C-alpha atoms as a PDB file:
ATOM      1  CA  MET A   1       0.000   0.000   0.000  1.00  0.00           C
ATOM      2  CA  ILE A   2       1.194   3.510  -0.750  1.00  0.00           C
ATOM      3  CA  SER A   3       0.885   6.269   1.841  1.00  0.00           C
ATOM      4  CA  PRO A   4      -1.416   9.253   1.188  1.00  0.00           C
ATOM      5  CA  ASP A   5       1.593  11.237  -0.054  1.00  0.00           C
ATOM      6  CA  HIS A   6       2.096   8.442  -2.646  1.00  0.00           C
ATOM      7  CA  LYS A   7       5.789   8.150  -1.792  1.00  0.00           C
ATOM      8  CA  HIS A   8       6.105   5.537   0.917  1.00  0.00           C
ATOM      9  CA  PRO A   9       4.613   2.054   1.072  1.00  0.00           C
ATOM     10  CA  ILE A  10       2.785   1.338   4.318  1.00  0.00           C
ATOM     11  CA  ASP A  11       1.302  -1.761   5.867  1.00  0.00           C
ATOM     12  CA  GLY A  12      -2.526  -1.959   5.962  1.00  0.00           C
ATOM     13  CA  ASP A  13      -2.563  -2.894   9.651  1.00  0.00           C
ATOM     14  CA  ALA A  14      -0.183  -0.036  10.449  1.00  0.00           C
ATOM     15  CA  PHE A  15      -2.445   2.330   8.533  1.00  0.00           C
ATOM     16  CA  TRP A  16      -5.479   1.070  10.462  1.00  0.00           C
ATOM     17  CA  ASP A  17      -3.649   1.672  13.741  1.00  0.00           C
ATOM     18  CA  GLN A  18      -3.031   5.287  12.738  1.00  0.00           C
ATOM     19  CA  ILE A  19      -6.704   6.060  12.236  1.00  0.00           C
ATOM     20  CA  ARG A  20      -9.298   6.202  14.952  1.00  0.00           C
ATOM     21  CA  ALA A  21     -11.916   3.505  15.206  1.00  0.00           C
ATOM     22  CA  PRO A  22     -15.345   4.879  14.357  1.00  0.00           C
ATOM     23  CA  GLU A  23     -17.499   5.999  17.250  1.00  0.00           C
ATOM     24  CA  PHE A  24     -20.599   3.887  17.655  1.00  0.00           C
ATOM     25  CA  MET A  25     -23.836   5.541  16.542  1.00  0.00           C
ATOM     26  CA  PRO A  26     -26.785   3.692  18.136  1.00  0.00           C
ATOM     27  CA  GLU A  27     -29.244   5.809  16.182  1.00  0.00           C
ATOM     28  CA  ASP A  28     -27.779   4.569  12.891  1.00  0.00           C
ATOM     29  CA  PRO A  29     -25.854   1.283  13.104  1.00  0.00           C
ATOM     30  CA  GLU A  30     -25.766   0.974   9.299  1.00  0.00           C
ATOM     31  CA  ALA A  31     -23.787   4.215   9.102  1.00  0.00           C
ATOM     32  CA  PHE A  32     -21.525   2.982  11.905  1.00  0.00           C
ATOM     33  CA  LEU A  33     -20.778  -0.151   9.866  1.00  0.00           C
ATOM     34  CA  SER A  34     -20.076   1.803   6.683  1.00  0.00           C
ATOM     35  CA  LEU A  35     -17.225   3.726   8.320  1.00  0.00           C
ATOM     36  CA  PRO A  36     -14.956   0.729   8.939  1.00  0.00           C
ATOM     37  CA  GLU A  37     -15.788  -0.517   5.429  1.00  0.00           C
ATOM     38  CA  SER A  38     -14.302   2.620   3.886  1.00  0.00           C
ATOM     39  CA  ARG A  39     -11.285   2.408   6.167  1.00  0.00           C
ATOM     40  CA  PHE A  40     -10.767  -1.254   5.309  1.00  0.00           C
ATOM     41  CA  HIS A  41     -10.825  -0.273   1.658  1.00  0.00           C
ATOM     42  CA  GLU A  42      -8.259   2.501   2.163  1.00  0.00           C
ATOM     43  CA  ALA A  43      -5.993   0.250   4.220  1.00  0.00           C
ATOM     44  CA  ARG A  44      -6.532  -2.655   1.807  1.00  0.00           C
ATOM     45  CA  ILE A  45      -7.571  -4.927   4.643  1.00  0.00           C
ATOM     46  CA  THR A  46      -9.489  -7.722   2.965  1.00  0.00           C
ATOM     47  CA  GLY A  47      -9.182 -10.730   5.257  1.00  0.00           C
ATOM     48  CA  GLN A  48     -12.327 -11.773   7.101  1.00  0.00           C
ATOM     49  CA  LEU A  49     -10.483 -12.438  10.367  1.00  0.00           C
ATOM     50  CA  SER A  50      -8.581  -9.129  10.297  1.00  0.00           C
ATOM     51  CA  ARG A  51     -11.792  -7.240   9.629  1.00  0.00           C
ATOM     52  CA  TYR A  52     -13.582  -9.235  12.348  1.00  0.00           C
ATOM     53  CA  TYR A  53     -11.049  -8.279  15.030  1.00  0.00           C
ATOM     54  CA  LYS A  54     -10.901  -4.650  13.963  1.00  0.00           C
ATOM     55  CA  LEU A  55     -14.689  -4.304  13.972  1.00  0.00           C
ATOM     56  CA  LEU A  56     -14.936  -6.112  17.302  1.00  0.00           C
ATOM     57  CA  SER A  57     -12.453  -3.636  18.795  1.00  0.00           C
ATOM     58  CA  ALA A  58     -14.692  -0.741  17.673  1.00  0.00           C
ATOM     59  CA  ILE A  59     -17.743  -2.027  19.562  1.00  0.00           C
ATOM     60  CA  PRO A  60     -18.239  -0.086  22.803  1.00  0.00           C
ATOM     61  CA  ARG A  61     -17.269  -2.098  25.851  1.00  0.00           C
ATOM     62  CA  ASP A  62     -20.707  -1.778  27.459  1.00  0.00           C
ATOM     63  CA  MET A  63     -22.313  -3.328  24.365  1.00  0.00           C
ATOM     64  CA  LEU A  64     -19.993  -6.324  24.004  1.00  0.00           C
ATOM     65  CA  ILE A  65     -22.219  -8.492  26.188  1.00  0.00           C
ATOM     66  CA  ASN A  66     -24.776  -8.379  23.360  1.00  0.00           C
ATOM     67  CA  PHE A  67     -22.309 -10.181  21.074  1.00  0.00           C
ATOM     68  CA  ARG A  68     -20.789 -12.676  23.474  1.00  0.00           C
ATOM     69  CA  ASP A  69     -22.084 -15.617  21.450  1.00  0.00           C
ATOM     70  CA  VAL A  70     -20.234 -14.336  18.374  1.00  0.00           C
ATOM     71  CA  TYR A  71     -16.890 -13.420  19.926  1.00  0.00           C
ATOM     72  CA  MET A  72     -16.665 -16.368  22.321  1.00  0.00           C
ATOM     73  CA  ASN A  73     -17.115 -18.758  19.374  1.00  0.00           C
ATOM     74  CA  ILE A  74     -15.396 -17.135  16.420  1.00  0.00           C
ATOM     75  CA  PRO A  75     -17.162 -18.391  13.306  1.00  0.00           C
ATOM     76  CA  ALA A  76     -14.980 -20.633  11.153  1.00  0.00           C
ATOM     77  CA  HIS A  77     -16.345 -19.196   7.918  1.00  0.00           C
ATOM     78  CA  ASN A  78     -16.714 -15.494   7.164  1.00  0.00           C
ATOM     79  CA  PRO A  79     -16.343 -14.272  10.771  1.00  0.00           C
ATOM     80  CA  TYR A  80     -16.520 -10.608   9.773  1.00  0.00           C
ATOM     81  CA  ASP A  81     -19.741 -11.099   7.827  1.00  0.00           C
ATOM     82  CA  VAL A  82     -21.277 -13.046  10.727  1.00  0.00           C
ATOM     83  CA  LEU A  83     -20.346 -10.316  13.227  1.00  0.00           C
ATOM     84  CA  LYS A  84     -21.627  -7.583  10.940  1.00  0.00           C
ATOM     85  CA  GLU A  85     -24.944  -9.377  10.445  1.00  0.00           C
ATOM     86  CA  ALA A  86     -25.255  -9.861  14.215  1.00  0.00           C
ATOM     87  CA  LEU A  87     -24.616  -6.177  14.885  1.00  0.00           C
ATOM     88  CA  LEU A  88     -27.533  -4.634  13.044  1.00  0.00           C
ATOM     89  CA  PRO A  89     -30.485  -6.209  14.855  1.00  0.00           C
ATOM     90  CA  ARG A  90     -28.760  -6.116  18.240  1.00  0.00           C
ATOM     91  CA  MET A  91     -27.521  -2.537  18.087  1.00  0.00           C
ATOM     92  CA  ALA A  92     -30.369  -0.793  16.355  1.00  0.00           C
ATOM     93  CA  PHE A  93     -32.823   1.286  18.294  1.00  0.00           C
ATOM     94  CA  SER A  94     -36.415   0.208  17.964  1.00  0.00           C
ATOM     95  CA  GLU A  95     -38.575   2.212  15.583  1.00  0.00           C
ATOM     96  CA  GLU A  96     -40.362   3.698  18.602  1.00  0.00           C
ATOM     97  CA  LYS A  97     -37.065   4.854  20.122  1.00  0.00           C
ATOM     98  CA  ARG A  98     -35.979   6.399  16.801  1.00  0.00           C
ATOM     99  CA  ILE A  99     -39.219   8.373  16.625  1.00  0.00           C
ATOM    100  CA  GLN A 100     -38.725   9.563  20.210  1.00  0.00           C
ATOM    101  CA  LEU A 101     -35.203  10.715  19.366  1.00  0.00           C
ATOM    102  CA  LEU A 102     -36.407  12.560  16.277  1.00  0.00           C
ATOM    103  CA  LEU A 103     -39.210  14.266  18.177  1.00  0.00           C
ATOM    104  CA  SER A 104     -36.922  15.271  21.024  1.00  0.00           C
ATOM    105  CA  GLY A 105     -34.465  16.856  18.585  1.00  0.00           C
ATOM    106  CA  ILE A 106     -31.550  14.596  19.446  1.00  0.00           C
END
């Protein structure tokens, strides 16, 4: 991988370490998941297991209990895809909560 100045090759994992993990957005988990996707693309991180661990590290500590079944038994096939699919229904606010947030101006 070439650095942003296009002069020096850099390692994808090193590049990932230089950028901040996305902050979780409970009001829009789909947007939260799109941020690491773009960073994976920039860092050329394509491996399922690498992406799995990096996404897992971005999940807020207080929410990890919701995903214990996924991270205590790392899926043998497509672990990143499995984690990503588990995130959406478990992290998303209910429709009622979203409406409350919209009405309250948050």
